[in-house]
Structures are given as C-alpha cells and as structure tokens.
Amino acid sequence: MRTQTTITAMQMLACLALRGNAAPVPPRRIARYPSASPSYPAKIASMLVKAGPLSVRHGAHRGAALRRPPDSITLYDVYVACEGRIRGDFCLPSGACRPSASFTR
C-alpha cells in the first residue's frame, strides 16, 4: 500500500527528472507540483536525501536536484525511503504467515 508521502515523493522525483540537468529547484517551486505546503515536500526531500536519490543545496542557489540519473532510481528506492524496508521474514517456521509484519521502518 502506498501512502500519500510515497505518492508525493514519486511526483517530486518525476518532476525533477523531467527538468533534466537543470539547476536545483527550490522547495516552494517543488510544492506547486503535488499541490502541497512547502514544508511537506521539504520533509519528503530529507527522506530522499538520506536514501540517496536526491541531493539538496543550501545558500543562494538552494534547492533539490536528482543525485543519480532518473533511469537508475527505482520505485523500490522511493518506497524504502518513505516507508522503510520490506522484510522477507514474515513467515514463521511453522509455515504460518503474518502479512502485517512484512513491513518495517
């Protein structure tokens, strides 16, 4: 299940990918694409910076830019950045599965 955070992250990365290798985009400008407040994309941007697909510059030329080529960023990368790793140990040794334990932060 995708959360609004993951969907917004996908939209942000898609908008940055369509811009190509242009200058970094300020948070207020990024917030216009998913129609969100500037603080919400900034929060998501920090998650994407920690995960690797995004870089952020501060100062006069501040803004966000893709750290890697768009075709090297997978939806799984975005999902893990926003929702956490998908664990593969959700089945018990007895064979009973606990799907609710399949995701962790």
Foldseek 3Di string as FASTA:
>chain_A
DDDPLLVLLVQLLVVQLVVPPDAADALCVSCVRVVHDSVSVVVSQVLLVVLQQKDFDDDPRTHIHGPDRSVVDDSQSSCCSVFNDFDPPQADPVRRGDVVPRGDD
